[in-house]
Amino acid sequence: MTKLRLGRIEDDRPVKLTIELPGAVHRELLRYAQEHARETGLDRPLAIERLVPPMLERFMDADRGFVRRKRGQA
Protein backbone atom coordinates (compact mmCIF):
# COMPACT_ATOMS: atom_id res chain seq x y z
CA MET A 1 0.00 0.00 0.00
CA THR A 2 1.30 3.46 -0.81
CA LYS A 3 1.79 6.00 1.93
CA LEU A 4 -0.67 8.83 2.35
CA ARG A 5 0.61 12.34 1.63
CA LEU A 6 -0.59 13.53 5.02
CA GLY A 7 1.60 12.63 7.99
CA ARG A 8 1.20 13.49 11.65
CA ILE A 9 -0.68 16.71 12.33
CA GLU A 10 0.81 19.25 14.72
CA ASP A 11 -1.29 21.47 16.96
CA ASP A 12 -1.41 25.09 15.86
CA ARG A 13 -3.49 28.11 16.79
CA PRO A 14 -6.60 27.82 14.61
CA VAL A 15 -8.64 30.39 12.71
CA LYS A 16 -12.28 29.38 12.42
CA LEU A 17 -13.84 29.08 8.95
CA THR A 18 -17.26 27.82 7.99
CA ILE A 19 -17.62 26.03 4.64
CA GLU A 20 -20.10 23.79 2.88
CA LEU A 21 -18.89 20.59 1.26
CA PRO A 22 -20.64 18.34 -1.22
CA GLY A 23 -21.76 15.11 0.45
CA ALA A 24 -19.36 13.04 -1.67
CA VAL A 25 -16.37 15.14 -0.57
CA HIS A 26 -17.42 14.82 3.07
CA ARG A 27 -17.68 11.04 2.77
CA GLU A 28 -14.24 10.85 1.16
CA LEU A 29 -12.77 13.01 3.93
CA LEU A 30 -14.24 10.65 6.53
CA ARG A 31 -12.74 7.69 4.65
CA TYR A 32 -9.40 9.49 4.45
CA ALA A 33 -9.52 10.18 8.20
CA GLN A 34 -9.95 6.46 8.86
CA GLU A 35 -6.98 5.56 6.63
CA HIS A 36 -4.88 8.34 8.16
CA ALA A 37 -5.60 7.05 11.68
CA ARG A 38 -4.70 3.51 10.65
CA GLU A 39 -1.44 4.61 9.01
CA THR A 40 -0.31 6.94 11.79
CA GLY A 41 -1.26 4.57 14.62
CA LEU A 42 -4.04 6.67 16.14
CA ASP A 43 -6.74 4.95 18.18
CA ARG A 44 -9.46 6.80 16.31
CA PRO A 45 -9.68 9.10 13.29
CA LEU A 46 -9.10 12.81 13.73
CA ALA A 47 -12.01 15.11 13.03
CA ILE A 48 -11.97 16.22 9.41
CA GLU A 49 -11.63 19.79 10.68
CA ARG A 50 -8.12 18.80 11.79
CA LEU A 51 -7.28 17.11 8.48
CA VAL A 52 -8.36 19.83 6.04
CA PRO A 53 -5.81 22.55 6.99
CA PRO A 54 -2.70 20.39 6.43
CA MET A 55 -4.27 19.02 3.24
CA LEU A 56 -4.75 22.55 1.93
CA GLU A 57 -1.22 23.50 3.00
CA ARG A 58 0.29 20.53 1.14
CA PHE A 59 -1.87 21.25 -1.89
CA MET A 60 -0.63 24.85 -2.05
CA ASP A 61 3.00 23.78 -1.45
CA ALA A 62 2.72 21.35 -4.38
CA ASP A 63 1.23 23.95 -6.76
CA ARG A 64 4.28 25.03 -8.73
CA GLY A 65 2.64 28.11 -10.19
CA PHE A 66 1.56 29.31 -6.77
CA VAL A 67 4.99 28.65 -5.27
CA ARG A 68 6.71 30.56 -8.10
CA ARG A 69 4.39 33.53 -7.73
CA LYS A 70 4.79 33.50 -3.96
CA ARG A 71 8.58 33.52 -4.32
CA GLY A 72 8.34 36.38 -6.82
CA GLN A 73 6.42 38.50 -4.32
CA ALA A 74 8.84 37.87 -1.45
PDB file of N, CA and C in Angstrom:
ATOM      1  N   MET A   1       0.836  -1.180   0.000  1.00  0.00           N
ATOM      2  CA  MET A   1       0.000   0.000   0.000  1.00  0.00           C
ATOM      3  C   MET A   1       0.883   1.247   0.000  1.00  0.00           C
ATOM      4  N   THR A   2       0.523   2.231  -0.772  1.00  0.00           N
ATOM      5  CA  THR A   2       1.298   3.461  -0.810  1.00  0.00           C
ATOM      6  C   THR A   2       0.996   4.313   0.409  1.00  0.00           C
ATOM      7  N   LYS A   3       1.972   5.127   0.780  1.00  0.00           N
ATOM      8  CA  LYS A   3       1.786   6.003   1.932  1.00  0.00           C
ATOM      9  C   LYS A   3       0.901   7.180   1.572  1.00  0.00           C
ATOM     10  N   LEU A   4       0.149   7.645   2.535  1.00  0.00           N
ATOM     11  CA  LEU A   4      -0.665   8.833   2.351  1.00  0.00           C
ATOM     12  C   LEU A   4       0.237  10.066   2.353  1.00  0.00           C
ATOM     13  N   ARG A   5      -0.170  11.102   1.670  1.00  0.00           N
ATOM     14  CA  ARG A   5       0.605  12.339   1.633  1.00  0.00           C
ATOM     15  C   ARG A   5       0.596  13.050   2.975  1.00  0.00           C
ATOM     16  N   LEU A   6      -0.442  12.837   3.755  1.00  0.00           N
ATOM     17  CA  LEU A   6      -0.595  13.530   5.016  1.00  0.00           C
ATOM     18  C   LEU A   6       0.024  12.714   6.135  1.00  0.00           C
ATOM     19  N   GLY A   7       0.967  13.297   6.850  1.00  0.00           N
ATOM     20  CA  GLY A   7       1.596  12.633   7.986  1.00  0.00           C
ATOM     21  C   GLY A   7       0.937  13.080   9.284  1.00  0.00           C
ATOM     22  N   ARG A   8       1.707  13.037  10.358  1.00  0.00           N
ATOM     23  CA  ARG A   8       1.197  13.489  11.653  1.00  0.00           C
ATOM     24  C   ARG A   8       0.813  14.957  11.574  1.00  0.00           C
ATOM     25  N   ILE A   9      -0.178  15.345  12.343  1.00  0.00           N
ATOM     26  CA  ILE A   9      -0.677  16.713  12.326  1.00  0.00           C
ATOM     27  C   ILE A   9      -0.326  17.388  13.647  1.00  0.00           C
ATOM     28  N   GLU A  10       0.392  18.493  13.543  1.00  0.00           N
ATOM     29  CA  GLU A  10       0.811  19.249  14.718  1.00  0.00           C
ATOM     30  C   GLU A  10      -0.304  20.191  15.152  1.00  0.00           C
ATOM     31  N   ASP A  11      -0.334  20.479  16.459  1.00  0.00           N
ATOM     32  CA  ASP A  11      -1.291  21.469  16.959  1.00  0.00           C
ATOM     33  C   ASP A  11      -0.805  22.856  16.588  1.00  0.00           C
ATOM     34  N   ASP A  12      -1.723  23.724  16.219  1.00  0.00           N
ATOM     35  CA  ASP A  12      -1.415  25.095  15.860  1.00  0.00           C
ATOM     36  C   ASP A  12      -2.611  25.949  16.240  1.00  0.00           C
ATOM     37  N   ARG A  13      -2.385  27.212  16.429  1.00  0.00           N
ATOM     38  CA  ARG A  13      -3.488  28.110  16.792  1.00  0.00           C
ATOM     39  C   ARG A  13      -4.436  28.247  15.604  1.00  0.00           C
ATOM     40  N   PRO A  14      -5.680  27.833  15.748  1.00  0.00           N
ATOM     41  CA  PRO A  14      -6.604  27.817  14.613  1.00  0.00           C
ATOM     42  C   PRO A  14      -7.299  29.154  14.357  1.00  0.00           C
ATOM     43  N   VAL A  15      -7.752  29.314  13.132  1.00  0.00           N
ATOM     44  CA  VAL A  15      -8.638  30.391  12.713  1.00  0.00           C
ATOM     45  C   VAL A  15      -9.902  29.707  12.212  1.00  0.00           C
ATOM     46  N   LYS A  16     -11.037  30.081  12.743  1.00  0.00           N
ATOM     47  CA  LYS A  16     -12.278  29.381  12.420  1.00  0.00           C
ATOM     48  C   LYS A  16     -12.843  29.833  11.070  1.00  0.00           C
ATOM     49  N   LEU A  17     -13.169  28.856  10.225  1.00  0.00           N
ATOM     50  CA  LEU A  17     -13.838  29.083   8.954  1.00  0.00           C
ATOM     51  C   LEU A  17     -15.070  28.190   8.899  1.00  0.00           C
ATOM     52  N   THR A  18     -16.082  28.632   8.199  1.00  0.00           N
ATOM     53  CA  THR A  18     -17.265  27.815   7.986  1.00  0.00           C
ATOM     54  C   THR A  18     -17.407  27.608   6.485  1.00  0.00           C
ATOM     55  N   ILE A  19     -17.482  26.344   6.059  1.00  0.00           N
ATOM     56  CA  ILE A  19     -17.622  26.035   4.639  1.00  0.00           C
ATOM     57  C   ILE A  19     -18.702  24.974   4.459  1.00  0.00           C
ATOM     58  N   GLU A  20     -19.189  24.873   3.241  1.00  0.00           N
ATOM     59  CA  GLU A  20     -20.103  23.794   2.878  1.00  0.00           C
ATOM     60  C   GLU A  20     -19.375  22.884   1.907  1.00  0.00           C
ATOM     61  N   LEU A  21     -19.518  21.585   2.123  1.00  0.00           N
ATOM     62  CA  LEU A  21     -18.895  20.590   1.258  1.00  0.00           C
ATOM     63  C   LEU A  21     -19.969  19.744   0.594  1.00  0.00           C
ATOM     64  N   PRO A  22     -19.731  19.325  -0.629  1.00  0.00           N
ATOM     65  CA  PRO A  22     -20.639  18.341  -1.221  1.00  0.00           C
ATOM     66  C   PRO A  22     -20.587  17.051  -0.388  1.00  0.00           C
ATOM     67  N   GLY A  23     -21.704  16.347  -0.336  1.00  0.00           N
ATOM     68  CA  GLY A  23     -21.763  15.115   0.447  1.00  0.00           C
ATOM     69  C   GLY A  23     -20.679  14.120   0.073  1.00  0.00           C
ATOM     70  N   ALA A  24     -20.382  14.000  -1.218  1.00  0.00           N
ATOM     71  CA  ALA A  24     -19.365  13.045  -1.673  1.00  0.00           C
ATOM     72  C   ALA A  24     -17.985  13.413  -1.127  1.00  0.00           C
ATOM     73  N   VAL A  25     -17.669  14.694  -1.104  1.00  0.00           N
ATOM     74  CA  VAL A  25     -16.374  15.137  -0.571  1.00  0.00           C
ATOM     75  C   VAL A  25     -16.308  14.850   0.926  1.00  0.00           C
ATOM     76  N   HIS A  26     -17.391  15.096   1.635  1.00  0.00           N
ATOM     77  CA  HIS A  26     -17.415  14.816   3.073  1.00  0.00           C
ATOM     78  C   HIS A  26     -17.196  13.327   3.349  1.00  0.00           C
ATOM     79  N   ARG A  27     -17.860  12.483   2.577  1.00  0.00           N
ATOM     80  CA  ARG A  27     -17.680  11.037   2.768  1.00  0.00           C
ATOM     81  C   ARG A  27     -16.242  10.615   2.496  1.00  0.00           C
ATOM     82  N   GLU A  28     -15.641  11.183   1.463  1.00  0.00           N
ATOM     83  CA  GLU A  28     -14.243  10.852   1.157  1.00  0.00           C
ATOM     84  C   GLU A  28     -13.302  11.350   2.255  1.00  0.00           C
ATOM     85  N   LEU A  29     -13.576  12.512   2.820  1.00  0.00           N
ATOM     86  CA  LEU A  29     -12.769  13.005   3.935  1.00  0.00           C
ATOM     87  C   LEU A  29     -12.877  12.085   5.139  1.00  0.00           C
ATOM     88  N   LEU A  30     -14.070  11.596   5.423  1.00  0.00           N
ATOM     89  CA  LEU A  30     -14.242  10.647   6.530  1.00  0.00           C
ATOM     90  C   LEU A  30     -13.453   9.367   6.267  1.00  0.00           C
ATOM     91  N   ARG A  31     -13.513   8.881   5.030  1.00  0.00           N
ATOM     92  CA  ARG A  31     -12.743   7.692   4.649  1.00  0.00           C
ATOM     93  C   ARG A  31     -11.242   7.948   4.794  1.00  0.00           C
ATOM     94  N   TYR A  32     -10.811   9.120   4.337  1.00  0.00           N
ATOM     95  CA  TYR A  32      -9.395   9.486   4.446  1.00  0.00           C
ATOM     96  C   TYR A  32      -8.976   9.535   5.915  1.00  0.00           C
ATOM     97  N   ALA A  33      -9.826  10.095   6.771  1.00  0.00           N
ATOM     98  CA  ALA A  33      -9.518  10.184   8.198  1.00  0.00           C
ATOM     99  C   ALA A  33      -9.309   8.792   8.793  1.00  0.00           C
ATOM    100  N   GLN A  34     -10.109   7.833   8.370  1.00  0.00           N
ATOM    101  CA  GLN A  34      -9.949   6.456   8.858  1.00  0.00           C
ATOM    102  C   GLN A  34      -8.601   5.881   8.417  1.00  0.00           C
ATOM    103  N   GLU A  35      -8.259   6.074   7.147  1.00  0.00           N
ATOM    104  CA  GLU A  35      -6.981   5.564   6.632  1.00  0.00           C
ATOM    105  C   GLU A  35      -5.802   6.270   7.303  1.00  0.00           C
ATOM    106  N   HIS A  36      -5.932   7.563   7.514  1.00  0.00           N
ATOM    107  CA  HIS A  36      -4.880   8.344   8.164  1.00  0.00           C
ATOM    108  C   HIS A  36      -4.648   7.836   9.585  1.00  0.00           C
ATOM    109  N   ALA A  37      -5.726   7.564  10.317  1.00  0.00           N
ATOM    110  CA  ALA A  37      -5.601   7.047  11.682  1.00  0.00           C
ATOM    111  C   ALA A  37      -4.913   5.687  11.680  1.00  0.00           C
ATOM    112  N   ARG A  38      -5.298   4.838  10.742  1.00  0.00           N
ATOM    113  CA  ARG A  38      -4.700   3.514  10.646  1.00  0.00           C
ATOM    114  C   ARG A  38      -3.202   3.616  10.348  1.00  0.00           C
ATOM    115  N   GLU A  39      -2.832   4.489   9.417  1.00  0.00           N
ATOM    116  CA  GLU A  39      -1.440   4.606   9.006  1.00  0.00           C
ATOM    117  C   GLU A  39      -0.555   5.281  10.058  1.00  0.00           C
ATOM    118  N   THR A  40      -1.117   6.214  10.805  1.00  0.00           N
ATOM    119  CA  THR A  40      -0.311   6.942  11.788  1.00  0.00           C
ATOM    120  C   THR A  40      -0.431   6.356  13.191  1.00  0.00           C
ATOM    121  N   GLY A  41      -1.168   5.269  13.340  1.00  0.00           N
ATOM    122  CA  GLY A  41      -1.255   4.571  14.623  1.00  0.00           C
ATOM    123  C   GLY A  41      -2.161   5.230  15.650  1.00  0.00           C
ATOM    124  N   LEU A  42      -3.094   6.040  15.210  1.00  0.00           N
ATOM    125  CA  LEU A  42      -4.035   6.666  16.135  1.00  0.00           C
ATOM    126  C   LEU A  42      -5.130   5.674  16.519  1.00  0.00           C
ATOM    127  N   ASP A  43      -5.657   5.822  17.717  1.00  0.00           N
ATOM    128  CA  ASP A  43      -6.737   4.946  18.180  1.00  0.00           C
ATOM    129  C   ASP A  43      -8.034   5.196  17.421  1.00  0.00           C
ATOM    130  N   ARG A  44      -8.237   6.458  17.036  1.00  0.00           N
ATOM    131  CA  ARG A  44      -9.459   6.803  16.309  1.00  0.00           C
ATOM    132  C   ARG A  44      -9.137   7.926  15.325  1.00  0.00           C
ATOM    133  N   PRO A  45      -9.934   8.056  14.300  1.00  0.00           N
ATOM    134  CA  PRO A  45      -9.675   9.099  13.292  1.00  0.00           C
ATOM    135  C   PRO A  45      -9.790  10.504  13.883  1.00  0.00           C
ATOM    136  N   LEU A  46      -8.967  11.401  13.369  1.00  0.00           N
ATOM    137  CA  LEU A  46      -9.095  12.813  13.727  1.00  0.00           C
ATOM    138  C   LEU A  46     -10.351  13.370  13.075  1.00  0.00           C
ATOM    139  N   ALA A  47     -10.885  14.418  13.659  1.00  0.00           N
ATOM    140  CA  ALA A  47     -12.010  15.115  13.035  1.00  0.00           C
ATOM    141  C   ALA A  47     -11.528  15.699  11.713  1.00  0.00           C
ATOM    142  N   ILE A  48     -12.394  15.716  10.720  1.00  0.00           N
ATOM    143  CA  ILE A  48     -11.967  16.221   9.412  1.00  0.00           C
ATOM    144  C   ILE A  48     -11.540  17.685   9.488  1.00  0.00           C
ATOM    145  N   GLU A  49     -12.047  18.404  10.493  1.00  0.00           N
ATOM    146  CA  GLU A  49     -11.626  19.793  10.677  1.00  0.00           C
ATOM    147  C   GLU A  49     -10.134  19.890  10.956  1.00  0.00           C
ATOM    148  N   ARG A  50      -9.567  18.839  11.521  1.00  0.00           N
ATOM    149  CA  ARG A  50      -8.122  18.803  11.790  1.00  0.00           C
ATOM    150  C   ARG A  50      -7.333  18.356  10.565  1.00  0.00           C
ATOM    151  N   LEU A  51      -7.967  17.609   9.672  1.00  0.00           N
ATOM    152  CA  LEU A  51      -7.282  17.112   8.480  1.00  0.00           C
ATOM    153  C   LEU A  51      -7.210  18.145   7.353  1.00  0.00           C
ATOM    154  N   VAL A  52      -8.267  18.926   7.195  1.00  0.00           N
ATOM    155  CA  VAL A  52      -8.360  19.826   6.041  1.00  0.00           C
ATOM    156  C   VAL A  52      -7.233  20.862   5.996  1.00  0.00           C
ATOM    157  N   PRO A  53      -6.884  21.547   7.093  1.00  0.00           N
ATOM    158  CA  PRO A  53      -5.811  22.551   6.994  1.00  0.00           C
ATOM    159  C   PRO A  53      -4.480  22.008   6.465  1.00  0.00           C
ATOM    160  N   PRO A  54      -3.959  20.885   7.000  1.00  0.00           N
ATOM    161  CA  PRO A  54      -2.700  20.391   6.433  1.00  0.00           C
ATOM    162  C   PRO A  54      -2.852  19.906   4.990  1.00  0.00           C
ATOM    163  N   MET A  55      -4.043  19.417   4.633  1.00  0.00           N
ATOM    164  CA  MET A  55      -4.274  19.023   3.237  1.00  0.00           C
ATOM    165  C   MET A  55      -4.174  20.241   2.323  1.00  0.00           C
ATOM    166  N   LEU A  56      -4.812  21.325   2.723  1.00  0.00           N
ATOM    167  CA  LEU A  56      -4.749  22.550   1.930  1.00  0.00           C
ATOM    168  C   LEU A  56      -3.316  23.084   1.857  1.00  0.00           C
ATOM    169  N   GLU A  57      -2.614  23.031   2.972  1.00  0.00           N
ATOM    170  CA  GLU A  57      -1.224  23.499   2.998  1.00  0.00           C
ATOM    171  C   GLU A  57      -0.358  22.687   2.027  1.00  0.00           C
ATOM    172  N   ARG A  58      -0.496  21.368   2.048  1.00  0.00           N
ATOM    173  CA  ARG A  58       0.286  20.525   1.142  1.00  0.00           C
ATOM    174  C   ARG A  58      -0.109  20.753  -0.313  1.00  0.00           C
ATOM    175  N   PHE A  59      -1.395  20.969  -0.542  1.00  0.00           N
ATOM    176  CA  PHE A  59      -1.866  21.253  -1.894  1.00  0.00           C
ATOM    177  C   PHE A  59      -1.210  22.527  -2.417  1.00  0.00           C
ATOM    178  N   MET A  60      -1.213  23.583  -1.610  1.00  0.00           N
ATOM    179  CA  MET A  60      -0.627  24.849  -2.050  1.00  0.00           C
ATOM    180  C   MET A  60       0.885  24.733  -2.221  1.00  0.00           C
ATOM    181  N   ASP A  61       1.550  23.985  -1.330  1.00  0.00           N
ATOM    182  CA  ASP A  61       2.998  23.783  -1.450  1.00  0.00           C
ATOM    183  C   ASP A  61       3.365  23.006  -2.709  1.00  0.00           C
ATOM    184  N   ALA A  62       2.454  22.168  -3.195  1.00  0.00           N
ATOM    185  CA  ALA A  62       2.718  21.354  -4.382  1.00  0.00           C
ATOM    186  C   ALA A  62       2.319  22.060  -5.679  1.00  0.00           C
ATOM    187  N   ASP A  63       1.654  23.205  -5.571  1.00  0.00           N
ATOM    188  CA  ASP A  63       1.225  23.950  -6.759  1.00  0.00           C
ATOM    189  C   ASP A  63       2.393  24.814  -7.239  1.00  0.00           C
ATOM    190  N   ARG A  64       3.070  24.353  -8.269  1.00  0.00           N
ATOM    191  CA  ARG A  64       4.279  25.030  -8.735  1.00  0.00           C
ATOM    192  C   ARG A  64       4.043  26.481  -9.121  1.00  0.00           C
ATOM    193  N   GLY A  65       2.944  26.740  -9.795  1.00  0.00           N
ATOM    194  CA  GLY A  65       2.635  28.109 -10.188  1.00  0.00           C
ATOM    195  C   GLY A  65       2.458  29.016  -8.986  1.00  0.00           C
ATOM    196  N   PHE A  66       1.766  28.526  -7.983  1.00  0.00           N
ATOM    197  CA  PHE A  66       1.556  29.313  -6.769  1.00  0.00           C
ATOM    198  C   PHE A  66       2.879  29.557  -6.056  1.00  0.00           C
ATOM    199  N   VAL A  67       3.696  28.522  -5.954  1.00  0.00           N
ATOM    200  CA  VAL A  67       4.990  28.650  -5.268  1.00  0.00           C
ATOM    201  C   VAL A  67       5.865  29.662  -5.999  1.00  0.00           C
ATOM    202  N   ARG A  68       5.904  29.602  -7.336  1.00  0.00           N
ATOM    203  CA  ARG A  68       6.713  30.563  -8.103  1.00  0.00           C
ATOM    204  C   ARG A  68       6.235  31.995  -7.880  1.00  0.00           C
ATOM    205  N   ARG A  69       4.941  32.182  -7.922  1.00  0.00           N
ATOM    206  CA  ARG A  69       4.393  33.529  -7.726  1.00  0.00           C
ATOM    207  C   ARG A  69       4.651  34.023  -6.311  1.00  0.00           C
ATOM    208  N   LYS A  70       4.544  33.131  -5.342  1.00  0.00           N
ATOM    209  CA  LYS A  70       4.788  33.502  -3.958  1.00  0.00           C
ATOM    210  C   LYS A  70       6.241  33.918  -3.775  1.00  0.00           C
ATOM    211  N   ARG A  71       7.164  33.166  -4.388  1.00  0.00           N
ATOM    212  CA  ARG A  71       8.581  33.518  -4.318  1.00  0.00           C
ATOM    213  C   ARG A  71       8.850  34.865  -4.989  1.00  0.00           C
ATOM    214  N   GLY A  72       8.158  35.129  -6.093  1.00  0.00           N
ATOM    215  CA  GLY A  72       8.341  36.380  -6.818  1.00  0.00           C
ATOM    216  C   GLY A  72       7.873  37.580  -6.035  1.00  0.00           C
ATOM    217  N   GLN A  73       6.939  37.387  -5.123  1.00  0.00           N
ATOM    218  CA  GLN A  73       6.419  38.505  -4.320  1.00  0.00           C
ATOM    219  C   GLN A  73       7.248  38.731  -3.063  1.00  0.00           C
ATOM    220  N   ALA A  74       8.051  37.759  -2.694  1.00  0.00           N
ATOM    221  CA  ALA A  74       8.844  37.869  -1.446  1.00  0.00           C
ATOM    222  C   ALA A  74      10.014  38.810  -1.596  1.00  0.00           C
TER     223      ALA A  74
END
